[in-house]
């Protein structure tokens, strides 16, 4: 085995670095069916574990409609990009522009060395009442780094939408990990205290508009699609259960 390739979802950079320290050539890539199927990949001689990589030879990658934080929609161009969706010119026109750039719907940025980074999906962005962008995947990533967190889901509180944006984190814990931390007889109140301690730490490094204002202690599994991705538009995933 020469190379381990990671793709399909964001991975903790420490895992890739750790695998390479063990002697495995572990690299992160970025794939899309429309790109047949690779959009970017990390070079073996200069990998960046936080990045999805650089374009392949003959390809280009850029971010458009960049906001004040330097984040925009990632677009890819090259001979590998599809000609269009079969018998669906309307959908094709939504993602392929007249210059041949494929608009991925993923948000991120490209650094000065040509490495691309993803921050979330355009359709998932929370726009606050003051026009600021909040990328839920970035916050979820930080929460999920906690050993006792099984999964998290960050969204805007629908009860305050349009008035005062409130960022909510619904968190499902790993019962065994939490038991090791708090003891076998821990209560929901104990868990919430521990969660708020860590969330406050995360909030300290975030601007006010991106801070978590409410935590839901999720007791049941989140609903996922057939490819195991969390379904963000399903109201049941926002329930306080």
C-alpha atoms as a PDB file:
ATOM      1  CA  UNK A   1       0.000   0.000   0.000  1.00  0.00           C
ATOM      2  CA  UNK A   2       1.608   3.278  -1.134  1.00  0.00           C
ATOM      3  CA  UNK A   3      -0.939   5.951  -0.235  1.00  0.00           C
ATOM      4  CA  UNK A   4      -3.945   6.414   2.041  1.00  0.00           C
ATOM      5  CA  UNK A   5      -6.374   8.972   0.591  1.00  0.00           C
ATOM      6  CA  UNK A   6      -8.960  10.729   2.727  1.00  0.00           C
ATOM      7  CA  UNK A   7     -11.992  12.442   1.207  1.00  0.00           C
ATOM      8  CA  UNK A   8     -15.743  12.803   1.456  1.00  0.00           C
ATOM      9  CA  UNK A   9     -15.712  14.662   4.772  1.00  0.00           C
ATOM     10  CA  UNK A  10     -13.438  16.894   6.808  1.00  0.00           C
ATOM     11  CA  UNK A  11     -10.794  15.128   8.863  1.00  0.00           C
ATOM     12  CA  UNK A  12      -8.887  16.295  11.910  1.00  0.00           C
ATOM     13  CA  UNK A  13      -5.442  17.391  10.600  1.00  0.00           C
ATOM     14  CA  UNK A  14      -3.820  15.730  13.619  1.00  0.00           C
ATOM     15  CA  UNK A  15      -5.028  12.350  12.355  1.00  0.00           C
ATOM     16  CA  UNK A  16      -3.336  12.815   8.973  1.00  0.00           C
ATOM     17  CA  UNK A  17      -0.161  14.106  10.642  1.00  0.00           C
ATOM     18  CA  UNK A  18      -0.225  11.183  13.062  1.00  0.00           C
ATOM     19  CA  UNK A  19      -0.602   8.619  10.277  1.00  0.00           C
ATOM     20  CA  UNK A  20       2.357  10.125   8.447  1.00  0.00           C
ATOM     21  CA  UNK A  21       4.422   9.994  11.643  1.00  0.00           C
ATOM     22  CA  UNK A  22       3.615   6.269  11.796  1.00  0.00           C
ATOM     23  CA  UNK A  23       4.999   5.950   8.267  1.00  0.00           C
ATOM     24  CA  UNK A  24       1.771   5.911   6.267  1.00  0.00           C
ATOM     25  CA  UNK A  25       1.554   8.294   3.321  1.00  0.00           C
ATOM     26  CA  UNK A  26      -1.841   9.784   4.245  1.00  0.00           C
ATOM     27  CA  UNK A  27      -3.140  12.592   2.039  1.00  0.00           C
ATOM     28  CA  UNK A  28      -6.374  14.555   1.838  1.00  0.00           C
ATOM     29  CA  UNK A  29      -8.190  15.167  -1.423  1.00  0.00           C
ATOM     30  CA  UNK A  30     -11.389  16.780  -2.665  1.00  0.00           C
ATOM     31  CA  UNK A  31     -13.689  14.883  -4.974  1.00  0.00           C
ATOM     32  CA  UNK A  32     -16.883  15.618  -6.862  1.00  0.00           C
ATOM     33  CA  UNK A  33     -18.737  13.486  -9.362  1.00  0.00           C
ATOM     34  CA  UNK A  34     -18.918  16.499 -11.686  1.00  0.00           C
ATOM     35  CA  UNK A  35     -15.112  16.714 -11.654  1.00  0.00           C
ATOM     36  CA  UNK A  36     -14.681  13.073 -12.710  1.00  0.00           C
ATOM     37  CA  UNK A  37     -14.084  12.790  -9.776  1.00  0.00           C
ATOM     38  CA  UNK A  38     -11.154  14.818  -8.369  1.00  0.00           C
ATOM     39  CA  UNK A  39     -11.190  18.555  -7.711  1.00  0.00           C
ATOM     40  CA  UNK A  40      -7.968  18.913  -5.712  1.00  0.00           C
ATOM     41  CA  UNK A  41      -5.345  16.786  -4.001  1.00  0.00           C
ATOM     42  CA  UNK A  42      -2.389  17.234  -1.673  1.00  0.00           C
ATOM     43  CA  UNK A  43       1.032  16.754  -3.266  1.00  0.00           C
ATOM     44  CA  UNK A  44       2.985  13.907  -1.704  1.00  0.00           C
ATOM     45  CA  UNK A  45       6.142  15.958  -1.311  1.00  0.00           C
ATOM     46  CA  UNK A  46       4.426  18.950   0.330  1.00  0.00           C
ATOM     47  CA  UNK A  47       1.166  17.899   2.047  1.00  0.00           C
ATOM     48  CA  UNK A  48      -0.906  20.353   4.059  1.00  0.00           C
ATOM     49  CA  UNK A  49      -3.201  18.483   6.420  1.00  0.00           C
ATOM     50  CA  UNK A  50      -5.576  21.437   6.831  1.00  0.00           C
ATOM     51  CA  UNK A  51      -6.059  21.854   3.089  1.00  0.00           C
ATOM     52  CA  UNK A  52      -7.976  19.849   0.486  1.00  0.00           C
ATOM     53  CA  UNK A  53      -4.926  20.292  -1.710  1.00  0.00           C
ATOM     54  CA  UNK A  54      -4.005  21.965  -4.975  1.00  0.00           C
ATOM     55  CA  UNK A  55      -5.429  21.635  -8.506  1.00  0.00           C
ATOM     56  CA  UNK A  56      -4.277  18.802 -10.725  1.00  0.00           C
ATOM     57  CA  UNK A  57      -2.165  19.631 -13.792  1.00  0.00           C
ATOM     58  CA  UNK A  58      -4.398  21.315 -16.346  1.00  0.00           C
ATOM     59  CA  UNK A  59      -6.913  22.371 -13.686  1.00  0.00           C
ATOM     60  CA  UNK A  60      -7.563  25.722 -12.017  1.00  0.00           C
ATOM     61  CA  UNK A  61      -9.258  26.517  -8.721  1.00  0.00           C
ATOM     62  CA  UNK A  62     -10.451  29.829  -7.282  1.00  0.00           C
ATOM     63  CA  UNK A  63     -12.874  31.410  -4.820  1.00  0.00           C
ATOM     64  CA  UNK A  64     -15.455  33.910  -6.092  1.00  0.00           C
ATOM     65  CA  UNK A  65     -17.711  36.443  -4.392  1.00  0.00           C
ATOM     66  CA  UNK A  66     -15.247  36.618  -1.525  1.00  0.00           C
ATOM     67  CA  UNK A  67     -16.559  38.216   1.682  1.00  0.00           C
ATOM     68  CA  UNK A  68     -14.748  40.400   4.197  1.00  0.00           C
ATOM     69  CA  UNK A  69     -13.249  37.316   5.830  1.00  0.00           C
ATOM     70  CA  UNK A  70     -11.755  36.161   2.543  1.00  0.00           C
ATOM     71  CA  UNK A  71     -14.217  33.299   2.081  1.00  0.00           C
ATOM     72  CA  UNK A  72     -16.065  32.684  -1.180  1.00  0.00           C
ATOM     73  CA  UNK A  73     -17.485  29.906  -3.347  1.00  0.00           C
ATOM     74  CA  UNK A  74     -14.917  27.430  -4.611  1.00  0.00           C
ATOM     75  CA  UNK A  75     -14.933  27.029  -8.407  1.00  0.00           C
ATOM     76  CA  UNK A  76     -12.980  24.538 -10.519  1.00  0.00           C
ATOM     77  CA  UNK A  77     -12.068  24.561 -14.201  1.00  0.00           C
ATOM     78  CA  UNK A  78     -10.367  21.918 -16.332  1.00  0.00           C
ATOM     79  CA  UNK A  79     -10.781  19.171 -18.938  1.00  0.00           C
ATOM     80  CA  UNK A  80     -12.082  16.817 -16.264  1.00  0.00           C
ATOM     81  CA  UNK A  81     -15.186  18.935 -15.563  1.00  0.00           C
ATOM     82  CA  UNK A  82     -18.437  17.466 -16.860  1.00  0.00           C
ATOM     83  CA  UNK A  83     -20.137  18.800 -19.991  1.00  0.00           C
ATOM     84  CA  UNK A  84     -23.402  19.029 -18.066  1.00  0.00           C
ATOM     85  CA  UNK A  85     -26.142  17.082 -16.312  1.00  0.00           C
ATOM     86  CA  UNK A  86     -27.818  14.637 -18.669  1.00  0.00           C
ATOM     87  CA  UNK A  87     -30.856  16.128 -20.359  1.00  0.00           C
ATOM     88  CA  UNK A  88     -31.074  18.921 -17.761  1.00  0.00           C
ATOM     89  CA  UNK A  89     -29.826  22.230 -19.195  1.00  0.00           C
ATOM     90  CA  UNK A  90     -31.465  24.292 -16.443  1.00  0.00           C
ATOM     91  CA  UNK A  91     -29.551  22.602 -13.629  1.00  0.00           C
ATOM     92  CA  UNK A  92     -26.398  22.632 -15.738  1.00  0.00           C
ATOM     93  CA  UNK A  93     -26.666  26.405 -16.186  1.00  0.00           C
ATOM     94  CA  UNK A  94     -26.821  26.833 -12.404  1.00  0.00           C
ATOM     95  CA  UNK A  95     -23.378  25.299 -11.856  1.00  0.00           C
ATOM     96  CA  UNK A  96     -21.455  25.761 -15.121  1.00  0.00           C
ATOM     97  CA  UNK A  97     -20.791  29.311 -16.273  1.00  0.00           C
ATOM     98  CA  UNK A  98     -19.991  30.439 -19.820  1.00  0.00           C
ATOM     99  CA  UNK A  99     -16.245  30.391 -19.117  1.00  0.00           C
ATOM    100  CA  UNK A 100     -16.311  26.733 -18.088  1.00  0.00           C
ATOM    101  CA  UNK A 101     -16.003  27.224 -14.331  1.00  0.00           C
ATOM    102  CA  UNK A 102     -17.861  24.678 -12.224  1.00  0.00           C
ATOM    103  CA  UNK A 103     -19.449  26.295  -9.154  1.00  0.00           C
ATOM    104  CA  UNK A 104     -19.144  23.673  -6.419  1.00  0.00           C
ATOM    105  CA  UNK A 105     -21.449  25.184  -3.801  1.00  0.00           C
ATOM    106  CA  UNK A 106     -18.649  24.725  -1.269  1.00  0.00           C
ATOM    107  CA  UNK A 107     -17.250  27.722   0.567  1.00  0.00           C
ATOM    108  CA  UNK A 108     -13.602  28.314   1.295  1.00  0.00           C
ATOM    109  CA  UNK A 109     -10.483  30.108   0.174  1.00  0.00           C
ATOM    110  CA  UNK A 110      -7.243  29.589  -1.741  1.00  0.00           C
ATOM    111  CA  UNK A 111      -3.977  30.681  -0.135  1.00  0.00           C
ATOM    112  CA  UNK A 112      -1.009  32.367  -1.791  1.00  0.00           C
ATOM    113  CA  UNK A 113       0.619  28.981  -2.466  1.00  0.00           C
ATOM    114  CA  UNK A 114      -2.444  27.645  -4.298  1.00  0.00           C
ATOM    115  CA  UNK A 115      -3.717  25.368  -1.521  1.00  0.00           C
ATOM    116  CA  UNK A 116      -7.499  25.355  -1.161  1.00  0.00           C
ATOM    117  CA  UNK A 117      -9.441  25.143   2.110  1.00  0.00           C
ATOM    118  CA  UNK A 118     -13.126  24.445   2.754  1.00  0.00           C
ATOM    119  CA  UNK A 119     -15.168  26.168   5.446  1.00  0.00           C
ATOM    120  CA  UNK A 120     -18.674  24.873   4.688  1.00  0.00           C
ATOM    121  CA  UNK A 121     -21.505  24.675   2.199  1.00  0.00           C
ATOM    122  CA  UNK A 122     -23.048  27.830   0.735  1.00  0.00           C
ATOM    123  CA  UNK A 123     -26.563  26.586   1.436  1.00  0.00           C
ATOM    124  CA  UNK A 124     -25.717  26.015   5.112  1.00  0.00           C
ATOM    125  CA  UNK A 125     -24.433  29.500   5.898  1.00  0.00           C
ATOM    126  CA  UNK A 126     -26.283  31.344   8.661  1.00  0.00           C
ATOM    127  CA  UNK A 127     -26.620  35.036   7.811  1.00  0.00           C
ATOM    128  CA  UNK A 128     -27.161  37.067  10.976  1.00  0.00           C
ATOM    129  CA  UNK A 129     -29.562  39.980  11.255  1.00  0.00           C
ATOM    130  CA  UNK A 130     -26.521  42.272  10.943  1.00  0.00           C
ATOM    131  CA  UNK A 131     -25.370  40.609   7.720  1.00  0.00           C
ATOM    132  CA  UNK A 132     -22.531  38.546   9.170  1.00  0.00           C
ATOM    133  CA  UNK A 133     -21.862  35.011   7.925  1.00  0.00           C
ATOM    134  CA  UNK A 134     -21.648  32.086  10.324  1.00  0.00           C
ATOM    135  CA  UNK A 135     -20.338  28.777   9.005  1.00  0.00           C
ATOM    136  CA  UNK A 136     -21.866  26.016  11.180  1.00  0.00           C
ATOM    137  CA  UNK A 137     -19.439  23.340  10.006  1.00  0.00           C
ATOM    138  CA  UNK A 138     -16.515  25.294  11.451  1.00  0.00           C
ATOM    139  CA  UNK A 139     -18.155  25.455  14.878  1.00  0.00           C
ATOM    140  CA  UNK A 140     -19.209  21.799  14.746  1.00  0.00           C
ATOM    141  CA  UNK A 141     -15.633  20.826  13.961  1.00  0.00           C
ATOM    142  CA  UNK A 142     -14.403  22.472  17.171  1.00  0.00           C
ATOM    143  CA  UNK A 143     -17.153  20.880  19.265  1.00  0.00           C
ATOM    144  CA  UNK A 144     -16.571  17.441  17.765  1.00  0.00           C
ATOM    145  CA  UNK A 145     -12.915  17.566  18.808  1.00  0.00           C
ATOM    146  CA  UNK A 146     -14.064  16.978  22.399  1.00  0.00           C
ATOM    147  CA  UNK A 147     -13.525  13.329  23.348  1.00  0.00           C
ATOM    148  CA  UNK A 148     -16.984  12.955  24.874  1.00  0.00           C
ATOM    149  CA  UNK A 149     -18.904  14.430  21.928  1.00  0.00           C
ATOM    150  CA  UNK A 150     -20.349  11.899  19.510  1.00  0.00           C
ATOM    151  CA  UNK A 151     -21.856  14.431  17.088  1.00  0.00           C
ATOM    152  CA  UNK A 152     -23.033  18.033  17.019  1.00  0.00           C
ATOM    153  CA  UNK A 153     -25.336  20.169  14.895  1.00  0.00           C
ATOM    154  CA  UNK A 154     -25.149  23.973  14.817  1.00  0.00           C
ATOM    155  CA  UNK A 155     -28.076  26.011  13.527  1.00  0.00           C
ATOM    156  CA  UNK A 156     -29.974  29.259  13.964  1.00  0.00           C
ATOM    157  CA  UNK A 157     -32.713  29.283  16.571  1.00  0.00           C
ATOM    158  CA  UNK A 158     -35.908  29.527  14.485  1.00  0.00           C
ATOM    159  CA  UNK A 159     -37.676  31.262  17.378  1.00  0.00           C
ATOM    160  CA  UNK A 160     -35.369  34.287  17.132  1.00  0.00           C
ATOM    161  CA  UNK A 161     -34.834  34.277  13.355  1.00  0.00           C
ATOM    162  CA  UNK A 162     -35.217  37.707  11.788  1.00  0.00           C
ATOM    163  CA  UNK A 163     -35.066  39.478  15.148  1.00  0.00           C
ATOM    164  CA  UNK A 164     -31.837  38.570  16.903  1.00  0.00           C
ATOM    165  CA  UNK A 165     -29.792  35.705  15.484  1.00  0.00           C
ATOM    166  CA  UNK A 166     -29.136  33.060  18.129  1.00  0.00           C
ATOM    167  CA  UNK A 167     -26.645  30.284  17.404  1.00  0.00           C
ATOM    168  CA  UNK A 168     -27.676  26.917  18.834  1.00  0.00           C
ATOM    169  CA  UNK A 169     -25.520  23.807  19.283  1.00  0.00           C
ATOM    170  CA  UNK A 170     -27.302  20.493  19.636  1.00  0.00           C
ATOM    171  CA  UNK A 171     -24.827  17.996  21.053  1.00  0.00           C
ATOM    172  CA  UNK A 172     -25.019  14.217  21.423  1.00  0.00           C
ATOM    173  CA  UNK A 173     -22.514  12.878  23.907  1.00  0.00           C
ATOM    174  CA  UNK A 174     -20.632   9.610  24.093  1.00  0.00           C
ATOM    175  CA  UNK A 175     -22.002   8.045  27.253  1.00  0.00           C
ATOM    176  CA  UNK A 176     -18.892   5.963  27.975  1.00  0.00           C
ATOM    177  CA  UNK A 177     -16.502   8.880  27.566  1.00  0.00           C
ATOM    178  CA  UNK A 178     -18.667  11.109  29.729  1.00  0.00           C
ATOM    179  CA  UNK A 179     -18.872   8.407  32.377  1.00  0.00           C
ATOM    180  CA  UNK A 180     -15.080   8.236  32.526  1.00  0.00           C
ATOM    181  CA  UNK A 181     -14.939  11.992  32.971  1.00  0.00           C
ATOM    182  CA  UNK A 182     -17.791  12.570  35.420  1.00  0.00           C
ATOM    183  CA  UNK A 183     -18.336   9.142  36.954  1.00  0.00           C
ATOM    184  CA  UNK A 184     -21.083   6.589  36.263  1.00  0.00           C
ATOM    185  CA  UNK A 185     -23.810   8.499  38.114  1.00  0.00           C
ATOM    186  CA  UNK A 186     -23.586  11.758  36.161  1.00  0.00           C
ATOM    187  CA  UNK A 187     -26.767  13.770  35.537  1.00  0.00           C
ATOM    188  CA  UNK A 188     -27.910  15.962  32.668  1.00  0.00           C
ATOM    189  CA  UNK A 189     -27.052  18.973  34.800  1.00  0.00           C
ATOM    190  CA  UNK A 190     -23.489  17.658  35.192  1.00  0.00           C
ATOM    191  CA  UNK A 191     -23.215  17.215  31.440  1.00  0.00           C
ATOM    192  CA  UNK A 192     -24.524  20.692  30.683  1.00  0.00           C
ATOM    193  CA  UNK A 193     -22.000  22.234  33.074  1.00  0.00           C
ATOM    194  CA  UNK A 194     -19.195  20.393  31.321  1.00  0.00           C
ATOM    195  CA  UNK A 195     -20.490  21.338  27.865  1.00  0.00           C
ATOM    196  CA  UNK A 196     -20.837  25.001  28.761  1.00  0.00           C
ATOM    197  CA  UNK A 197     -17.310  25.026  30.155  1.00  0.00           C
ATOM    198  CA  UNK A 198     -15.958  23.901  26.792  1.00  0.00           C
ATOM    199  CA  UNK A 199     -18.380  25.981  24.711  1.00  0.00           C
ATOM    200  CA  UNK A 200     -17.379  29.090  26.667  1.00  0.00           C
ATOM    201  CA  UNK A 201     -13.782  28.310  25.763  1.00  0.00           C
ATOM    202  CA  UNK A 202     -14.736  28.052  22.080  1.00  0.00           C
ATOM    203  CA  UNK A 203     -16.751  31.269  22.316  1.00  0.00           C
ATOM    204  CA  UNK A 204     -13.765  33.157  23.736  1.00  0.00           C
ATOM    205  CA  UNK A 205     -11.943  32.817  20.418  1.00  0.00           C
ATOM    206  CA  UNK A 206     -14.964  33.726  18.276  1.00  0.00           C
ATOM    207  CA  UNK A 207     -16.492  37.097  17.363  1.00  0.00           C
ATOM    208  CA  UNK A 208     -19.714  37.930  19.207  1.00  0.00           C
ATOM    209  CA  UNK A 209     -21.999  37.130  16.265  1.00  0.00           C
ATOM    210  CA  UNK A 210     -20.525  33.615  15.946  1.00  0.00           C
ATOM    211  CA  UNK A 211     -20.827  32.623  19.594  1.00  0.00           C
ATOM    212  CA  UNK A 212     -23.068  29.785  20.749  1.00  0.00           C
ATOM    213  CA  UNK A 213     -25.923  31.131  22.863  1.00  0.00           C
ATOM    214  CA  UNK A 214     -27.849  27.918  23.520  1.00  0.00           C
ATOM    215  CA  UNK A 215     -27.014  24.229  23.984  1.00  0.00           C
ATOM    216  CA  UNK A 216     -29.377  21.315  23.431  1.00  0.00           C
ATOM    217  CA  UNK A 217     -28.407  18.005  25.007  1.00  0.00           C
ATOM    218  CA  UNK A 218     -29.408  15.587  22.256  1.00  0.00           C
ATOM    219  CA  UNK A 219     -30.596  12.203  23.543  1.00  0.00           C
ATOM    220  CA  UNK A 220     -31.368  10.468  20.232  1.00  0.00           C
ATOM    221  CA  UNK A 221     -29.333  10.007  17.057  1.00  0.00           C
ATOM    222  CA  UNK A 222     -29.488  12.739  14.435  1.00  0.00           C
ATOM    223  CA  UNK A 223     -31.173  11.891  11.147  1.00  0.00           C
ATOM    224  CA  UNK A 224     -28.730  11.278   8.278  1.00  0.00           C
ATOM    225  CA  UNK A 225     -29.128  10.672   4.563  1.00  0.00           C
ATOM    226  CA  UNK A 226     -28.048   7.494   2.763  1.00  0.00           C
ATOM    227  CA  UNK A 227     -24.455   8.759   2.523  1.00  0.00           C
ATOM    228  CA  UNK A 228     -24.364   9.261   6.324  1.00  0.00           C
ATOM    229  CA  UNK A 229     -24.394  13.064   6.134  1.00  0.00           C
ATOM    230  CA  UNK A 230     -26.461  14.963   8.666  1.00  0.00           C
ATOM    231  CA  UNK A 231     -29.718  16.300   7.192  1.00  0.00           C
ATOM    232  CA  UNK A 232     -29.694  19.975   8.145  1.00  0.00           C
ATOM    233  CA  UNK A 233     -33.125  20.877   6.821  1.00  0.00           C
ATOM    234  CA  UNK A 234     -34.949  18.186   8.797  1.00  0.00           C
ATOM    235  CA  UNK A 235     -36.786  19.872  11.671  1.00  0.00           C
ATOM    236  CA  UNK A 236     -36.497  16.762  13.841  1.00  0.00           C
ATOM    237  CA  UNK A 237     -32.731  17.351  14.047  1.00  0.00           C
ATOM    238  CA  UNK A 238     -33.440  20.677  15.744  1.00  0.00           C
ATOM    239  CA  UNK A 239     -35.771  19.199  18.337  1.00  0.00           C
ATOM    240  CA  UNK A 240     -34.898  19.428  22.031  1.00  0.00           C
ATOM    241  CA  UNK A 241     -34.709  15.708  22.639  1.00  0.00           C
END
